[in-house]
Amino acid sequence: MYLVTGTRPDLVYTITHLSQFNSSPSTKHLTAAKRVLRYLQGMNDRHVFYQWNNQLKMTAYTDACYGNCFDTRRSFSGYILQLGNATISRRCRKQRSVATSTCEAEYMALAMMTKHHLWLKRGTQELLKKDIPTALFCDSNAAIDVAYNPNLNDRSKHIDIAYHFTREQIGQRNVSVMYVPSEENLADICTKGMTRYVNDHLCSKIFGSK
């Protein structure tokens, strides 16, 4: 957990998932934890790089993996937020309620990321005394459509009112949400396991380049 909050955002989903079993771990959880240590040993040269002359812009990516907790059938939400080309914030969290569709799970993740993005944007405005260009990305066209469409439909009528925060902020022109293909969505690494090729591709963008 110390590494995740410090320099290894690529472990955020793995550690969040394993932490659920701290109170009563089994042999398979210990095996999984050892695998994480082997991964760290093989990838110990990865670290977040902050380049001093990067363009000052804020970019946020959000994702959800539908129903991937097999005990509760809840989904995991995640986001990656970058300043310039360097990751400054990341999170993975199991959603508080069961989503009835992939669209709803993605929409709930979008609300979580929007709240954090606005908090961070206000903080940078106070420090720098100017607005920073921002971009919010999601890989679900359905969730984006619900965020921009105030009318109820079959995809949105069951969604709790608390998750319509993103729609309100869009209406006030505080944020705008754009589509990004799943293979370029950095937040994918926060919600699910993936192949080595995809993991390496996303990590090359998450950690920044020297």
Protein backbone atom coordinates (compact mmCIF):
# COMPACT_ATOMS: atom_id res chain seq x y z
CA MET A 1 0.00 0.00 0.00
CA TYR A 2 2.91 2.35 0.71
CA LEU A 3 4.27 1.75 -2.80
CA VAL A 4 0.84 2.32 -4.37
CA THR A 5 0.36 5.70 -2.69
CA GLY A 6 3.93 6.68 -3.53
CA THR A 7 5.50 5.51 -6.75
CA ARG A 8 3.70 2.45 -8.13
CA PRO A 9 0.21 3.27 -9.49
CA ASP A 10 0.35 0.06 -11.56
CA LEU A 11 -0.33 -1.92 -8.36
CA VAL A 12 -3.43 -0.02 -7.25
CA TYR A 13 -5.97 -2.65 -8.32
CA THR A 14 -3.91 -5.62 -7.14
CA ILE A 15 -3.32 -4.22 -3.67
CA THR A 16 -6.91 -2.99 -3.27
CA HIS A 17 -8.20 -6.44 -4.21
CA LEU A 18 -5.80 -8.32 -1.92
CA SER A 19 -6.47 -5.96 1.00
CA GLN A 20 -10.03 -7.31 1.23
CA PHE A 21 -8.60 -10.54 2.67
CA ASN A 22 -6.28 -9.10 5.33
CA SER A 23 -8.45 -10.33 8.20
CA SER A 24 -8.67 -13.93 7.00
CA PRO A 25 -6.13 -14.76 4.29
CA SER A 26 -5.75 -18.20 2.77
CA THR A 27 -2.90 -19.95 0.99
CA LYS A 28 -4.05 -18.66 -2.40
CA HIS A 29 -3.93 -15.08 -1.12
CA LEU A 30 -0.39 -15.59 0.13
CA THR A 31 0.53 -17.02 -3.28
CA ALA A 32 -0.93 -13.95 -4.95
CA ALA A 33 0.98 -11.65 -2.59
CA LYS A 34 4.24 -13.47 -3.44
CA ARG A 35 3.47 -13.00 -7.11
CA VAL A 36 3.20 -9.25 -6.50
CA LEU A 37 6.66 -9.32 -4.90
CA ARG A 38 8.08 -11.17 -7.91
CA TYR A 39 6.49 -8.58 -10.19
CA LEU A 40 8.12 -5.79 -8.18
CA GLN A 41 11.48 -7.52 -8.33
CA GLY A 42 11.25 -7.82 -12.11
CA MET A 43 9.97 -4.25 -12.62
CA ASN A 44 11.89 -2.38 -9.92
CA ASP A 45 13.10 0.26 -12.39
CA ARG A 46 9.61 1.75 -12.79
CA HIS A 47 8.94 5.03 -11.04
CA VAL A 48 6.85 8.14 -11.63
CA PHE A 49 8.86 10.73 -13.53
CA TYR A 50 8.01 14.44 -13.24
CA GLN A 51 9.46 16.43 -16.11
CA TRP A 52 10.03 20.07 -15.26
CA ASN A 53 9.18 21.49 -18.70
CA ASN A 54 5.97 19.56 -19.36
CA GLN A 55 2.96 21.46 -20.64
CA LEU A 56 0.82 22.34 -17.62
CA LYS A 57 -2.44 20.52 -18.30
CA MET A 58 -4.62 18.13 -16.30
CA THR A 59 -5.88 14.86 -17.78
CA ALA A 60 -8.14 12.36 -16.03
CA TYR A 61 -9.11 8.82 -17.05
CA THR A 62 -11.85 6.73 -15.46
CA ASP A 63 -12.96 3.13 -15.79
CA ALA A 64 -15.07 0.46 -14.10
CA CYS A 65 -15.02 -3.31 -14.30
CA TYR A 66 -18.58 -4.60 -14.08
CA GLY A 67 -19.34 -7.06 -11.27
CA ASN A 68 -15.79 -8.32 -10.85
CA CYS A 69 -16.11 -8.94 -7.10
CA PHE A 70 -17.43 -12.51 -7.09
CA ASP A 71 -18.44 -12.37 -3.41
CA THR A 72 -20.66 -9.26 -3.55
CA ARG A 73 -21.04 -8.83 -7.34
CA ARG A 74 -20.08 -5.19 -6.97
CA SER A 75 -17.94 -3.45 -9.55
CA PHE A 76 -14.58 -1.75 -9.08
CA SER A 77 -14.13 1.92 -10.01
CA GLY A 78 -10.78 3.45 -10.79
CA TYR A 79 -9.17 6.61 -12.08
CA ILE A 80 -5.79 7.96 -13.09
CA LEU A 81 -5.18 11.71 -13.01
CA GLN A 82 -2.14 13.29 -14.63
CA LEU A 83 -0.58 16.74 -14.50
CA GLY A 84 1.41 17.17 -17.68
CA ASN A 85 2.55 13.65 -18.55
CA ALA A 86 3.08 12.51 -14.96
CA THR A 87 0.58 10.69 -12.76
CA ILE A 88 -0.24 12.63 -9.59
CA SER A 89 -3.31 10.75 -8.36
CA ARG A 90 -4.75 7.26 -8.69
CA ARG A 91 -7.45 5.23 -6.99
CA CYS A 92 -9.26 1.91 -7.07
CA ARG A 93 -12.38 1.36 -5.02
CA LYS A 94 -15.17 -1.19 -4.81
CA GLN A 95 -18.48 0.52 -5.52
CA ARG A 96 -20.89 0.95 -2.63
CA SER A 97 -23.81 -0.77 -4.36
CA VAL A 98 -24.40 -3.36 -7.06
CA ALA A 99 -24.64 -1.82 -10.54
CA THR A 100 -27.38 -3.20 -12.77
CA SER A 101 -25.41 -2.71 -16.00
CA THR A 102 -21.99 -1.89 -17.37
CA CYS A 103 -23.27 1.60 -18.20
CA GLU A 104 -24.29 2.21 -14.59
CA ALA A 105 -20.95 0.94 -13.25
CA GLU A 106 -19.05 3.27 -15.62
CA TYR A 107 -21.32 6.19 -14.70
CA MET A 108 -20.68 5.64 -10.99
CA ALA A 109 -16.93 5.59 -11.65
CA LEU A 110 -17.27 8.80 -13.64
CA ALA A 111 -18.91 10.55 -10.68
CA MET A 112 -16.09 9.47 -8.34
CA MET A 113 -13.45 10.81 -10.70
CA THR A 114 -15.30 14.08 -11.34
CA LYS A 115 -15.39 14.89 -7.61
CA HIS A 116 -11.68 14.30 -7.19
CA HIS A 117 -10.84 16.17 -10.37
CA LEU A 118 -12.73 19.30 -9.28
CA TRP A 119 -11.09 19.21 -5.83
CA LEU A 120 -7.64 18.97 -7.39
CA LYS A 121 -8.41 21.63 -9.99
CA ARG A 122 -9.46 24.11 -7.29
CA GLY A 123 -6.27 23.37 -5.38
CA THR A 124 -4.05 24.07 -8.39
CA GLN A 125 -5.98 27.25 -9.12
CA GLU A 126 -5.27 28.52 -5.60
CA LEU A 127 -1.58 27.68 -5.91
CA LEU A 128 -0.97 28.94 -9.45
CA LYS A 129 -3.62 31.68 -9.63
CA LYS A 130 -4.75 30.55 -13.09
CA ASP A 131 -6.92 27.99 -14.82
CA ILE A 132 -5.27 24.82 -16.09
CA PRO A 133 -6.58 23.16 -19.28
CA THR A 134 -8.35 19.94 -18.35
CA ALA A 135 -9.64 16.86 -20.16
CA LEU A 136 -11.73 13.99 -18.75
CA PHE A 137 -11.79 10.67 -20.58
CA CYS A 138 -14.06 7.64 -20.32
CA ASP A 139 -14.21 4.51 -22.50
CA SER A 140 -17.99 4.06 -22.25
CA ASN A 141 -20.09 5.93 -24.80
CA ALA A 142 -23.21 4.84 -22.91
CA ALA A 143 -22.04 6.47 -19.66
CA ILE A 144 -21.06 9.64 -21.50
CA ASP A 145 -24.49 9.75 -23.14
CA VAL A 146 -26.22 9.44 -19.76
CA ALA A 147 -24.00 12.23 -18.36
CA TYR A 148 -24.98 14.62 -21.16
CA ASN A 149 -28.64 13.56 -21.44
CA PRO A 150 -30.93 14.74 -18.60
CA ASN A 151 -33.85 12.60 -19.78
CA LEU A 152 -34.58 9.32 -18.03
CA ASN A 153 -34.28 6.13 -20.03
CA ASP A 154 -33.88 2.41 -19.41
CA ARG A 155 -30.14 2.83 -18.81
CA SER A 156 -30.43 5.62 -16.24
CA LYS A 157 -33.76 5.36 -14.40
CA HIS A 158 -32.34 3.09 -11.69
CA ILE A 159 -29.17 5.15 -11.04
CA ASP A 160 -29.00 6.78 -7.61
CA ILE A 161 -29.30 10.57 -7.66
CA ALA A 162 -25.89 10.93 -5.98
CA TYR A 163 -24.17 9.75 -9.15
CA HIS A 164 -25.68 12.49 -11.30
CA PHE A 165 -23.03 14.87 -9.93
CA THR A 166 -21.13 14.64 -13.24
CA ARG A 167 -24.23 15.68 -15.20
CA GLU A 168 -24.65 18.75 -12.97
CA GLN A 169 -21.02 19.77 -13.46
CA ILE A 170 -21.33 19.34 -17.22
CA GLY A 171 -24.41 21.58 -17.15
CA GLN A 172 -22.44 24.23 -15.26
CA ARG A 173 -19.60 23.85 -17.78
CA ASN A 174 -17.12 22.95 -15.09
CA VAL A 175 -16.15 19.70 -16.84
CA SER A 176 -16.47 18.00 -20.19
CA VAL A 177 -16.15 14.27 -20.78
CA MET A 178 -14.72 12.72 -23.94
CA TYR A 179 -14.45 9.19 -25.24
CA VAL A 180 -11.17 7.29 -25.26
CA PRO A 181 -10.70 3.74 -26.64
CA SER A 182 -10.29 1.09 -23.95
CA GLU A 183 -6.76 0.23 -25.08
CA GLU A 184 -5.72 3.86 -24.42
CA ASN A 185 -7.64 4.29 -21.18
CA LEU A 186 -4.99 4.48 -18.45
CA ALA A 187 -7.56 3.77 -15.73
CA ASP A 188 -7.99 0.22 -17.03
CA ILE A 189 -4.98 -0.72 -14.92
CA CYS A 190 -6.92 0.39 -11.80
CA THR A 191 -9.88 -1.95 -12.26
CA LYS A 192 -8.75 -5.33 -13.60
CA GLY A 193 -5.89 -7.68 -14.30
CA MET A 194 -4.46 -7.62 -17.83
CA THR A 195 -1.95 -9.21 -20.13
CA ARG A 196 1.70 -8.23 -19.93
CA TYR A 197 1.59 -6.45 -23.30
CA VAL A 198 -1.35 -4.23 -22.26
CA ASN A 199 0.18 -3.67 -18.82
CA ASP A 200 3.50 -2.54 -20.32
CA HIS A 201 1.74 -0.26 -22.81
CA LEU A 202 -0.31 1.51 -20.13
CA CYS A 203 2.63 1.72 -17.73
CA SER A 204 4.71 3.50 -20.38
CA LYS A 205 2.11 6.27 -20.34
CA ILE A 206 1.36 6.25 -16.62
CA PHE A 207 4.94 6.58 -15.42
CA GLY A 208 6.03 9.21 -17.93
CA SER A 209 9.22 9.20 -19.96
CA LYS A 210 12.65 10.53 -19.15
